[in-house]
Amino acid sequence: MLSIIGPPQRAAYGSAEIEKLDIYKTRRPNAPIIAYIHGGAWRGGRSAQNAYIAEPFVKAGAHFVPIGLQTM
């Protein structure tokens, strides 16, 4: 999958390593952004586990940002 759309850009929203977003970018100018929030009660998982979902959105012309679910 990443060989098709490329690795995500990482952007920090806090100081901890888990406080970063994975941003899968499309090449389309002025593209919409899809923010994917997993329904896992915010207790476990990682945004990288949802990377497979990014491909159809990126190929369709939207940026895809899965929200990380890690806890300390």
N, C-alpha and C. Protein backbone atom coordinates (compact mmCIF):
# COMPACT_ATOMS: atom_id res chain seq x y z
N MET A 1 0.82 -1.19 0.00
CA MET A 1 0.00 0.00 0.00
C MET A 1 0.86 1.25 0.00
N LEU A 2 1.84 1.34 0.89
CA LEU A 2 2.69 2.53 0.93
C LEU A 2 3.53 2.65 -0.33
N SER A 3 3.78 1.55 -1.00
CA SER A 3 4.52 1.62 -2.27
C SER A 3 3.68 2.32 -3.34
N ILE A 4 2.39 2.36 -3.15
CA ILE A 4 1.48 3.00 -4.12
C ILE A 4 1.29 4.48 -3.79
N ILE A 5 0.99 4.79 -2.52
CA ILE A 5 0.69 6.18 -2.15
C ILE A 5 1.83 6.88 -1.42
N GLY A 6 2.84 6.13 -1.02
CA GLY A 6 3.99 6.71 -0.33
C GLY A 6 3.78 6.77 1.17
N PRO A 7 4.86 7.01 1.92
CA PRO A 7 4.76 7.08 3.37
C PRO A 7 4.07 8.37 3.79
N PRO A 8 3.49 8.38 4.99
CA PRO A 8 2.82 9.59 5.45
C PRO A 8 3.80 10.65 5.93
N GLN A 9 3.36 11.86 5.90
CA GLN A 9 4.08 12.96 6.55
C GLN A 9 3.64 12.92 8.01
N ARG A 10 4.56 13.13 8.95
CA ARG A 10 4.22 13.14 10.38
C ARG A 10 4.19 14.59 10.85
N ALA A 11 3.14 14.94 11.58
CA ALA A 11 3.00 16.30 12.12
C ALA A 11 2.67 16.20 13.61
N ALA A 12 3.43 16.92 14.43
CA ALA A 12 3.22 16.88 15.88
C ALA A 12 2.13 17.86 16.30
N TYR A 13 1.30 17.43 17.24
CA TYR A 13 0.33 18.33 17.87
C TYR A 13 0.60 18.44 19.36
N GLY A 14 1.66 17.77 19.82
CA GLY A 14 2.08 17.82 21.22
C GLY A 14 3.55 17.42 21.31
N SER A 15 4.06 17.32 22.52
CA SER A 15 5.48 17.05 22.69
C SER A 15 5.82 15.56 22.76
N ALA A 16 4.87 14.70 23.07
CA ALA A 16 5.14 13.26 23.17
C ALA A 16 5.18 12.62 21.79
N GLU A 17 5.91 11.51 21.68
CA GLU A 17 6.01 10.80 20.40
C GLU A 17 4.64 10.34 19.90
N ILE A 18 3.75 9.97 20.81
CA ILE A 18 2.42 9.51 20.39
C ILE A 18 1.51 10.67 19.96
N GLU A 19 1.94 11.89 20.19
CA GLU A 19 1.13 13.05 19.82
C GLU A 19 1.53 13.56 18.44
N LYS A 20 1.38 12.67 17.46
CA LYS A 20 1.69 13.00 16.07
C LYS A 20 0.62 12.44 15.17
N LEU A 21 0.39 13.11 14.07
CA LEU A 21 -0.57 12.66 13.07
C LEU A 21 0.17 12.12 11.86
N ASP A 22 -0.38 11.08 11.25
CA ASP A 22 0.10 10.60 9.96
C ASP A 22 -0.77 11.26 8.90
N ILE A 23 -0.13 11.92 7.94
CA ILE A 23 -0.87 12.62 6.89
C ILE A 23 -0.50 12.01 5.55
N TYR A 24 -1.47 11.34 4.94
CA TYR A 24 -1.28 10.76 3.62
C TYR A 24 -1.80 11.78 2.62
N LYS A 25 -0.90 12.32 1.80
CA LYS A 25 -1.26 13.41 0.90
C LYS A 25 -1.53 12.93 -0.52
N THR A 26 -2.52 13.55 -1.12
CA THR A 26 -2.81 13.34 -2.52
C THR A 26 -2.08 14.41 -3.32
N ARG A 27 -2.01 14.23 -4.61
CA ARG A 27 -1.37 15.25 -5.46
C ARG A 27 -2.37 16.29 -5.95
N ARG A 28 -3.62 16.08 -5.71
CA ARG A 28 -4.67 16.99 -6.19
C ARG A 28 -4.58 18.33 -5.45
N PRO A 29 -4.56 19.44 -6.18
CA PRO A 29 -4.53 20.75 -5.52
C PRO A 29 -5.87 21.04 -4.83
N ASN A 30 -5.81 21.74 -3.71
CA ASN A 30 -7.00 22.13 -2.95
C ASN A 30 -7.87 20.93 -2.58
N ALA A 31 -7.22 19.83 -2.24
CA ALA A 31 -7.94 18.59 -1.93
C ALA A 31 -8.62 18.65 -0.57
N PRO A 32 -9.74 17.95 -0.44
CA PRO A 32 -10.38 17.85 0.88
C PRO A 32 -9.55 16.97 1.80
N ILE A 33 -9.82 17.06 3.09
CA ILE A 33 -9.11 16.27 4.09
C ILE A 33 -10.11 15.34 4.78
N ILE A 34 -9.78 14.05 4.81
CA ILE A 34 -10.59 13.08 5.53
C ILE A 34 -9.89 12.79 6.85
N ALA A 35 -10.53 13.08 7.98
CA ALA A 35 -9.99 12.75 9.30
C ALA A 35 -10.72 11.50 9.77
N TYR A 36 -9.98 10.41 9.93
CA TYR A 36 -10.56 9.13 10.31
C TYR A 36 -10.34 8.90 11.80
N ILE A 37 -11.41 8.77 12.55
CA ILE A 37 -11.33 8.54 13.99
C ILE A 37 -11.87 7.14 14.26
N HIS A 38 -11.03 6.28 14.76
CA HIS A 38 -11.39 4.90 15.06
C HIS A 38 -12.32 4.87 16.27
N GLY A 39 -13.27 3.98 16.27
CA GLY A 39 -14.22 3.87 17.37
C GLY A 39 -13.76 2.94 18.47
N GLY A 40 -12.49 2.91 18.79
CA GLY A 40 -11.93 1.97 19.76
C GLY A 40 -11.85 2.49 21.18
N ALA A 41 -12.73 3.38 21.55
CA ALA A 41 -12.80 3.90 22.92
C ALA A 41 -11.52 4.63 23.35
N TRP A 42 -10.68 5.02 22.38
CA TRP A 42 -9.46 5.78 22.66
C TRP A 42 -8.54 5.09 23.64
N ARG A 43 -8.55 3.75 23.68
CA ARG A 43 -7.72 3.03 24.65
C ARG A 43 -6.58 2.24 24.04
N GLY A 44 -6.58 2.02 22.76
CA GLY A 44 -5.52 1.22 22.19
C GLY A 44 -5.44 1.37 20.69
N GLY A 45 -4.36 0.86 20.14
CA GLY A 45 -4.16 0.93 18.70
C GLY A 45 -3.25 2.07 18.29
N ARG A 46 -2.92 2.08 17.02
CA ARG A 46 -2.05 3.13 16.47
C ARG A 46 -2.62 3.57 15.15
N SER A 47 -2.34 4.80 14.77
CA SER A 47 -2.83 5.30 13.49
C SER A 47 -2.27 4.49 12.33
N ALA A 48 -1.05 3.96 12.46
CA ALA A 48 -0.44 3.18 11.39
C ALA A 48 -1.24 1.90 11.09
N GLN A 49 -1.99 1.42 12.07
CA GLN A 49 -2.82 0.23 11.85
C GLN A 49 -3.98 0.52 10.91
N ASN A 50 -4.27 1.76 10.65
CA ASN A 50 -5.35 2.14 9.76
C ASN A 50 -4.84 2.69 8.43
N ALA A 51 -3.56 2.51 8.17
CA ALA A 51 -2.96 3.04 6.94
C ALA A 51 -3.59 2.43 5.68
N TYR A 52 -4.02 1.18 5.76
CA TYR A 52 -4.61 0.54 4.59
C TYR A 52 -5.86 1.25 4.09
N ILE A 53 -6.52 1.97 4.97
CA ILE A 53 -7.74 2.70 4.59
C ILE A 53 -7.41 3.93 3.75
N ALA A 54 -6.19 4.44 3.86
CA ALA A 54 -5.80 5.68 3.18
C ALA A 54 -5.79 5.57 1.66
N GLU A 55 -5.38 4.43 1.13
CA GLU A 55 -5.16 4.31 -0.31
C GLU A 55 -6.35 4.73 -1.17
N PRO A 56 -7.56 4.23 -0.96
CA PRO A 56 -8.65 4.65 -1.85
C PRO A 56 -8.96 6.15 -1.78
N PHE A 57 -8.82 6.75 -0.60
CA PHE A 57 -9.08 8.19 -0.47
C PHE A 57 -8.01 9.01 -1.19
N VAL A 58 -6.74 8.63 -1.00
CA VAL A 58 -5.64 9.36 -1.64
C VAL A 58 -5.74 9.22 -3.16
N LYS A 59 -6.03 8.02 -3.64
CA LYS A 59 -6.16 7.81 -5.08
C LYS A 59 -7.36 8.56 -5.67
N ALA A 60 -8.39 8.79 -4.84
CA ALA A 60 -9.57 9.53 -5.29
C ALA A 60 -9.39 11.05 -5.20
N GLY A 61 -8.28 11.50 -4.61
CA GLY A 61 -7.99 12.93 -4.57
C GLY A 61 -8.24 13.61 -3.25
N ALA A 62 -8.17 12.87 -2.13
CA ALA A 62 -8.36 13.49 -0.81
C ALA A 62 -7.16 13.15 0.08
N HIS A 63 -6.78 14.08 0.93
CA HIS A 63 -5.78 13.80 1.95
C HIS A 63 -6.45 12.93 3.01
N PHE A 64 -5.69 12.04 3.65
CA PHE A 64 -6.25 11.13 4.65
C PHE A 64 -5.43 11.22 5.92
N VAL A 65 -6.10 11.48 7.06
CA VAL A 65 -5.42 11.61 8.35
C VAL A 65 -6.10 10.71 9.37
N PRO A 66 -5.51 9.52 9.65
CA PRO A 66 -6.06 8.69 10.72
C PRO A 66 -5.58 9.25 12.06
N ILE A 67 -6.49 9.39 12.99
CA ILE A 67 -6.17 9.95 14.30
C ILE A 67 -5.61 8.84 15.17
N GLY A 68 -4.44 9.07 15.78
CA GLY A 68 -3.78 8.09 16.61
C GLY A 68 -4.60 7.76 17.87
N LEU A 69 -4.50 6.51 18.30
CA LEU A 69 -5.30 6.06 19.44
C LEU A 69 -4.45 5.60 20.60
N GLN A 70 -3.18 5.85 20.57
CA GLN A 70 -2.30 5.36 21.63
C GLN A 70 -2.57 6.07 22.93
N THR A 71 -2.35 5.36 24.00
CA THR A 71 -2.40 5.96 25.33
C THR A 71 -1.06 5.71 26.01
N MET A 72 -0.76 6.49 26.99
CA MET A 72 0.51 6.33 27.70
C MET A 72 0.36 5.29 28.78
